[in-house]
C-alpha atoms as a PDB file:
ATOM      1  CA  MET A   1      21.740  21.811  27.480  1.00  0.00           C
ATOM      2  CA  LYS A   2      21.478  20.801  31.062  1.00  0.00           C
ATOM      3  CA  THR A   3      18.998  23.462  31.968  1.00  0.00           C
ATOM      4  CA  LEU A   4      17.018  21.979  28.745  1.00  0.00           C
ATOM      5  CA  THR A   5      17.311  18.212  29.455  1.00  0.00           C
ATOM      6  CA  CYS A   6      15.754  19.278  33.071  1.00  0.00           C
ATOM      7  CA  THR A   7      12.834  20.963  31.627  1.00  0.00           C
ATOM      8  CA  LEU A   8      12.054  18.167  29.342  1.00  0.00           C
ATOM      9  CA  PHE A   9      12.146  15.476  32.274  1.00  0.00           C
ATOM     10  CA  ALA A  10       9.983  17.769  34.118  1.00  0.00           C
ATOM     11  CA  MET A  11       7.309  18.102  31.279  1.00  0.00           C
ATOM     12  CA  ALA A  12       7.731  14.380  30.739  1.00  0.00           C
ATOM     13  CA  MET A  13       7.112  13.429  34.494  1.00  0.00           C
ATOM     14  CA  ALA A  14       4.152  15.821  34.690  1.00  0.00           C
ATOM     15  CA  SER A  15       2.435  13.760  31.952  1.00  0.00           C
ATOM     16  CA  ALA A  16       3.558  10.778  33.766  1.00  0.00           C
ATOM     17  CA  GLN A  17       1.607   8.314  31.992  1.00  0.00           C
ATOM     18  CA  SER A  18       3.505   5.349  30.431  1.00  0.00           C
ATOM     19  CA  THR A  19       1.843   5.870  27.225  1.00  0.00           C
ATOM     20  CA  VAL A  20       0.084   8.938  25.507  1.00  0.00           C
ATOM     21  CA  PRO A  21      -2.348   8.461  22.681  1.00  0.00           C
ATOM     22  CA  VAL A  22      -1.982  11.119  19.774  1.00  0.00           C
ATOM     23  CA  ILE A  23      -4.145  11.361  16.440  1.00  0.00           C
ATOM     24  CA  ILE A  24      -2.167  12.542  13.457  1.00  0.00           C
ATOM     25  CA  GLU A  25      -4.941  13.733  10.870  1.00  0.00           C
ATOM     26  CA  THR A  26      -3.508  14.005   7.508  1.00  0.00           C
ATOM     27  CA  GLU A  27      -5.369  14.614   4.113  1.00  0.00           C
ATOM     28  CA  LEU A  28      -4.884  11.264   3.415  1.00  0.00           C
ATOM     29  CA  GLY A  29      -6.359   9.745   6.512  1.00  0.00           C
ATOM     30  CA  THR A  30      -5.741   9.310  10.205  1.00  0.00           C
ATOM     31  CA  ILE A  31      -2.663   7.687  12.073  1.00  0.00           C
ATOM     32  CA  GLU A  32      -2.985   6.677  15.601  1.00  0.00           C
ATOM     33  CA  ILE A  33       0.455   6.689  17.565  1.00  0.00           C
ATOM     34  CA  ALA A  34       0.991   5.550  21.337  1.00  0.00           C
ATOM     35  CA  ILE A  35       3.921   7.804  22.711  1.00  0.00           C
ATOM     36  CA  ALA A  36       6.271   5.637  24.959  1.00  0.00           C
ATOM     37  CA  ALA A  37       6.423   8.531  27.423  1.00  0.00           C
ATOM     38  CA  SER A  38       7.733   6.472  30.228  1.00  0.00           C
ATOM     39  CA  LYS A  39      10.674   4.923  28.238  1.00  0.00           C
ATOM     40  CA  ALA A  40      11.891   7.978  26.139  1.00  0.00           C
ATOM     41  CA  PRO A  41      10.879  10.967  28.432  1.00  0.00           C
ATOM     42  CA  ALA A  42      12.631  13.549  27.048  1.00  0.00           C
ATOM     43  CA  THR A  43      11.966  12.895  23.376  1.00  0.00           C
ATOM     44  CA  SER A  44       8.255  12.308  24.069  1.00  0.00           C
ATOM     45  CA  ALA A  45       8.031  15.441  26.108  1.00  0.00           C
ATOM     46  CA  ASN A  46       9.687  17.489  23.205  1.00  0.00           C
ATOM     47  CA  PHE A  47       7.219  15.964  20.757  1.00  0.00           C
ATOM     48  CA  LEU A  48       4.035  16.635  22.912  1.00  0.00           C
ATOM     49  CA  ARG A  49       4.861  20.296  23.623  1.00  0.00           C
ATOM     50  CA  TYR A  50       4.746  20.673  19.987  1.00  0.00           C
ATOM     51  CA  VAL A  51       1.745  19.084  19.560  1.00  0.00           C
ATOM     52  CA  ASP A  52       0.119  20.862  22.717  1.00  0.00           C
ATOM     53  CA  ALA A  53       1.076  24.345  20.927  1.00  0.00           C
ATOM     54  CA  GLY A  54      -0.629  23.297  17.580  1.00  0.00           C
ATOM     55  CA  LEU A  55       3.111  23.753  15.827  1.00  0.00           C
ATOM     56  CA  TYR A  56       2.459  20.774  13.865  1.00  0.00           C
ATOM     57  CA  ASP A  57      -1.052  21.937  12.464  1.00  0.00           C
ATOM     58  CA  ASN A  58      -0.731  22.478   8.491  1.00  0.00           C
ATOM     59  CA  ALA A  59       2.938  20.733   8.287  1.00  0.00           C
ATOM     60  CA  THR A  60       3.525  18.080   5.957  1.00  0.00           C
ATOM     61  CA  PHE A  61       5.083  14.614   5.399  1.00  0.00           C
ATOM     62  CA  HIS A  62       7.506  15.932   2.785  1.00  0.00           C
ATOM     63  CA  ARG A  63       9.952  13.066   2.587  1.00  0.00           C
ATOM     64  CA  THR A  64       9.603   9.291   1.613  1.00  0.00           C
ATOM     65  CA  VAL A  65      12.446   7.138   1.691  1.00  0.00           C
ATOM     66  CA  THR A  66      12.126   3.682  -0.314  1.00  0.00           C
ATOM     67  CA  PRO A  67      14.616   1.037  -1.603  1.00  0.00           C
ATOM     68  CA  ASP A  68      14.764   2.796  -4.636  1.00  0.00           C
ATOM     69  CA  ASN A  69      15.438   6.243  -4.062  1.00  0.00           C
ATOM     70  CA  GLN A  70      18.434   6.142  -2.126  1.00  0.00           C
ATOM     71  CA  PRO A  71      21.176   5.490  -4.816  1.00  0.00           C
ATOM     72  CA  ASN A  72      24.192   6.955  -2.615  1.00  0.00           C
ATOM     73  CA  ASN A  73      23.148   5.230   0.486  1.00  0.00           C
ATOM     74  CA  THR A  74      25.036   1.289   1.124  1.00  0.00           C
ATOM     75  CA  VAL A  75      22.550   1.050   4.067  1.00  0.00           C
ATOM     76  CA  LYS A  76      18.934   1.523   3.068  1.00  0.00           C
ATOM     77  CA  ILE A  77      15.771   2.507   5.086  1.00  0.00           C
ATOM     78  CA  GLU A  78      12.270   3.208   4.842  1.00  0.00           C
ATOM     79  CA  VAL A  79      10.742   5.944   6.499  1.00  0.00           C
ATOM     80  CA  ILE A  80       8.126   8.764   5.834  1.00  0.00           C
ATOM     81  CA  GLN A  81       9.300  12.122   7.416  1.00  0.00           C
ATOM     82  CA  ALA A  82       7.239  15.164   8.907  1.00  0.00           C
ATOM     83  CA  GLY A  83       8.655  18.731   8.968  1.00  0.00           C
ATOM     84  CA  ALA A  84       7.605  21.817  10.256  1.00  0.00           C
ATOM     85  CA  THR A  85       4.708  24.222   9.666  1.00  0.00           C
ATOM     86  CA  PRO A  86       6.195  27.056   7.464  1.00  0.00           C
ATOM     87  CA  GLY A  87       7.335  29.785   9.656  1.00  0.00           C
ATOM     88  CA  VAL A  88       7.098  27.861  12.766  1.00  0.00           C
ATOM     89  CA  LYS A  89      10.617  28.327  14.760  1.00  0.00           C
ATOM     90  CA  PRO A  90      11.464  24.923  16.611  1.00  0.00           C
ATOM     91  CA  PHE A  91      12.623  24.975  20.156  1.00  0.00           C
ATOM     92  CA  PRO A  92      16.184  24.211  20.744  1.00  0.00           C
ATOM     93  CA  PRO A  93      17.506  20.962  20.119  1.00  0.00           C
ATOM     94  CA  ILE A  94      17.244  17.871  22.725  1.00  0.00           C
ATOM     95  CA  PRO A  95      19.306  15.494  23.712  1.00  0.00           C
ATOM     96  CA  LEU A  96      19.239  12.020  22.205  1.00  0.00           C
ATOM     97  CA  GLU A  97      17.846   9.406  23.801  1.00  0.00           C
ATOM     98  CA  ARG A  98      19.567   6.201  22.720  1.00  0.00           C
ATOM     99  CA  THR A  99      17.583   2.892  22.003  1.00  0.00           C
ATOM    100  CA  SER A 100      20.200   1.471  23.832  1.00  0.00           C
ATOM    101  CA  VAL A 101      18.824   3.207  27.157  1.00  0.00           C
ATOM    102  CA  THR A 102      15.233   3.421  25.980  1.00  0.00           C
ATOM    103  CA  GLY A 103      15.022  -0.404  25.075  1.00  0.00           C
ATOM    104  CA  LEU A 104      12.899   0.956  22.099  1.00  0.00           C
ATOM    105  CA  LYS A 105      13.520  -0.212  18.627  1.00  0.00           C
ATOM    106  CA  HIS A 106      12.867   1.117  14.837  1.00  0.00           C
ATOM    107  CA  LEU A 107      10.027  -1.502  14.052  1.00  0.00           C
ATOM    108  CA  ASP A 108       7.438  -1.109  11.548  1.00  0.00           C
ATOM    109  CA  GLY A 109       5.400   1.773  12.514  1.00  0.00           C
ATOM    110  CA  THR A 110       7.823   3.372  15.025  1.00  0.00           C
ATOM    111  CA  ILE A 111       7.656   6.988  15.318  1.00  0.00           C
ATOM    112  CA  SER A 112      11.526   8.497  15.879  1.00  0.00           C
ATOM    113  CA  MET A 113      12.974  12.001  15.907  1.00  0.00           C
ATOM    114  CA  ALA A 114      14.669  12.913  12.876  1.00  0.00           C
ATOM    115  CA  ARG A 115      18.441  14.885  13.495  1.00  0.00           C
ATOM    116  CA  ALA A 116      20.922  16.290  11.527  1.00  0.00           C
ATOM    117  CA  ALA A 117      24.523  14.914  11.464  1.00  0.00           C
ATOM    118  CA  ALA A 118      25.124  15.762  15.506  1.00  0.00           C
ATOM    119  CA  PRO A 119      23.288  13.338  17.680  1.00  0.00           C
ATOM    120  CA  ASP A 120      21.738  16.136  19.755  1.00  0.00           C
ATOM    121  CA  SER A 121      20.226  17.885  16.971  1.00  0.00           C
ATOM    122  CA  ALA A 122      16.764  16.713  16.970  1.00  0.00           C
ATOM    123  CA  ASP A 123      13.980  19.297  17.197  1.00  0.00           C
ATOM    124  CA  MET A 124      10.664  19.361  15.238  1.00  0.00           C
ATOM    125  CA  ASP A 125      11.052  16.753  12.334  1.00  0.00           C
ATOM    126  CA  PHE A 126       9.838  13.400  12.910  1.00  0.00           C
ATOM    127  CA  PHE A 127       9.597  10.192  10.696  1.00  0.00           C
ATOM    128  CA  LEU A 128       7.227   6.845  11.054  1.00  0.00           C
ATOM    129  CA  CYS A 129       9.406   3.591  10.050  1.00  0.00           C
ATOM    130  CA  VAL A 130       7.909   1.447   7.161  1.00  0.00           C
ATOM    131  CA  GLY A 131       9.248  -2.366   7.869  1.00  0.00           C
ATOM    132  CA  ASP A 132      11.688  -3.081  10.634  1.00  0.00           C
ATOM    133  CA  GLN A 133      14.539  -0.552  10.474  1.00  0.00           C
ATOM    134  CA  PRO A 134      17.580  -1.910  12.797  1.00  0.00           C
ATOM    135  CA  ALA A 135      19.993   0.320  10.962  1.00  0.00           C
ATOM    136  CA  LEU A 136      18.202   3.271  13.054  1.00  0.00           C
ATOM    137  CA  ASP A 137      18.835   1.939  16.354  1.00  0.00           C
ATOM    138  CA  PHE A 138      21.820   2.665  18.333  1.00  0.00           C
ATOM    139  CA  GLY A 139      24.576   0.806  16.709  1.00  0.00           C
ATOM    140  CA  GLY A 140      23.175   0.834  13.336  1.00  0.00           C
ATOM    141  CA  LYS A 141      25.141   1.706  10.395  1.00  0.00           C
ATOM    142  CA  ARG A 142      22.776   4.501   8.827  1.00  0.00           C
ATOM    143  CA  ASN A 143      24.821   7.433  10.350  1.00  0.00           C
ATOM    144  CA  PRO A 144      28.696   6.872  10.680  1.00  0.00           C
ATOM    145  CA  ASP A 145      28.284   7.743  14.375  1.00  0.00           C
ATOM    146  CA  GLY A 146      26.209   4.741  15.221  1.00  0.00           C
ATOM    147  CA  GLN A 147      24.425   6.638  17.677  1.00  0.00           C
ATOM    148  CA  GLY A 148      20.956   5.951  16.162  1.00  0.00           C
ATOM    149  CA  PHE A 149      17.939   7.799  16.255  1.00  0.00           C
ATOM    150  CA  ALA A 150      15.212   8.536  19.143  1.00  0.00           C
ATOM    151  CA  ALA A 151      12.516   6.452  18.771  1.00  0.00           C
ATOM    152  CA  PHE A 152       9.699   7.291  21.234  1.00  0.00           C
ATOM    153  CA  GLY A 153       6.509   5.435  20.221  1.00  0.00           C
ATOM    154  CA  ARG A 154       4.645   2.983  17.734  1.00  0.00           C
ATOM    155  CA  VAL A 155       1.636   3.342  15.121  1.00  0.00           C
ATOM    156  CA  THR A 156      -1.481   1.543  16.861  1.00  0.00           C
ATOM    157  CA  LYS A 157      -3.569   2.395  13.869  1.00  0.00           C
ATOM    158  CA  GLY A 158      -3.534   3.434  10.222  1.00  0.00           C
ATOM    159  CA  MET A 159      -0.435   1.799   8.867  1.00  0.00           C
ATOM    160  CA  GLU A 160      -2.073   1.671   5.668  1.00  0.00           C
ATOM    161  CA  ILE A 161      -2.258   5.475   5.724  1.00  0.00           C
ATOM    162  CA  VAL A 162       1.616   5.489   6.423  1.00  0.00           C
ATOM    163  CA  ARG A 163       2.073   3.176   3.431  1.00  0.00           C
ATOM    164  CA  LYS A 164      -0.129   5.298   1.164  1.00  0.00           C
ATOM    165  CA  ILE A 165       2.206   8.388   2.049  1.00  0.00           C
ATOM    166  CA  GLN A 166       5.331   6.406   1.407  1.00  0.00           C
ATOM    167  CA  ALA A 167       3.895   4.989  -2.230  1.00  0.00           C
ATOM    168  CA  ALA A 168       2.977   8.714  -2.910  1.00  0.00           C
ATOM    169  CA  PRO A 169       4.327  10.614  -6.081  1.00  0.00           C
ATOM    170  CA  ALA A 170       8.028  11.867  -5.226  1.00  0.00           C
ATOM    171  CA  LYS A 171      10.932  13.467  -7.040  1.00  0.00           C
ATOM    172  CA  GLY A 172      13.848  11.606  -5.240  1.00  0.00           C
ATOM    173  CA  GLN A 173      13.002  11.656  -1.709  1.00  0.00           C
ATOM    174  CA  GLN A 174      10.880  14.789  -1.691  1.00  0.00           C
ATOM    175  CA  LEU A 175       6.816  13.901  -2.211  1.00  0.00           C
ATOM    176  CA  THR A 176       5.290  15.772  -4.757  1.00  0.00           C
ATOM    177  CA  PRO A 177       3.178  17.427  -3.694  1.00  0.00           C
ATOM    178  CA  PRO A 178       3.779  16.860  -0.015  1.00  0.00           C
ATOM    179  CA  VAL A 179       0.964  15.215   2.067  1.00  0.00           C
ATOM    180  CA  ARG A 180      -0.866  17.976   4.341  1.00  0.00           C
ATOM    181  CA  ILE A 181      -1.000  17.254   8.057  1.00  0.00           C
ATOM    182  CA  LEU A 182      -4.432  18.848   9.290  1.00  0.00           C
ATOM    183  CA  ARG A 183      -3.372  18.513  12.988  1.00  0.00           C
ATOM    184  CA  ILE A 184      -1.851  16.327  15.349  1.00  0.00           C
ATOM    185  CA  ILE A 185      -3.788  16.061  19.035  1.00  0.00           C
ATOM    186  CA  ARG A 186      -3.793  14.083  22.153  1.00  0.00           C
ATOM    187  CA  LYS A 187      -6.439  11.610  21.791  1.00  0.00           C
ATOM    188  CA  PRO A 188      -9.558  12.601  23.657  1.00  0.00           C
ATOM    189  CA  ALA A 189     -10.367  10.274  26.615  1.00  0.00           C
END
């Protein structure tokens, strides 16, 4: 894990911009993101290595979480989640960059890494917040461990597309059909 952390940190330092603009092209429209590379360097580097390798091309937004489709959750959230392109093997999971360290919060339009039950389990899946979601920050109550999720940027343009994806047809939390991501790229200068 130490080697992975050092590698991600080195990757982040190599693109030492304070923010990195990224474009998510979906079948419903385009979303622009500012990746907070200086505040969440390891998480940003992890996301950008998937972007630069084209591993989000033909991926999907497959999950929508709304107040109405969380019957078993006492702490409700609102997000849309994107997953891997079919057949893509993710890189090893990364250490969690907690919001208590980065200073970033899960506000309307925040991009964050999804994770499994363990804090250091994020790899490729990410989500976008719809509305402020403090339950996803460090100390938040969405996960019993209180460690939260790794926020690493914000939507700068296209929140109407995020909301359109969130409102798309779903069975439970699964979008039916998923919303296709055509590609995710760094925004050309």
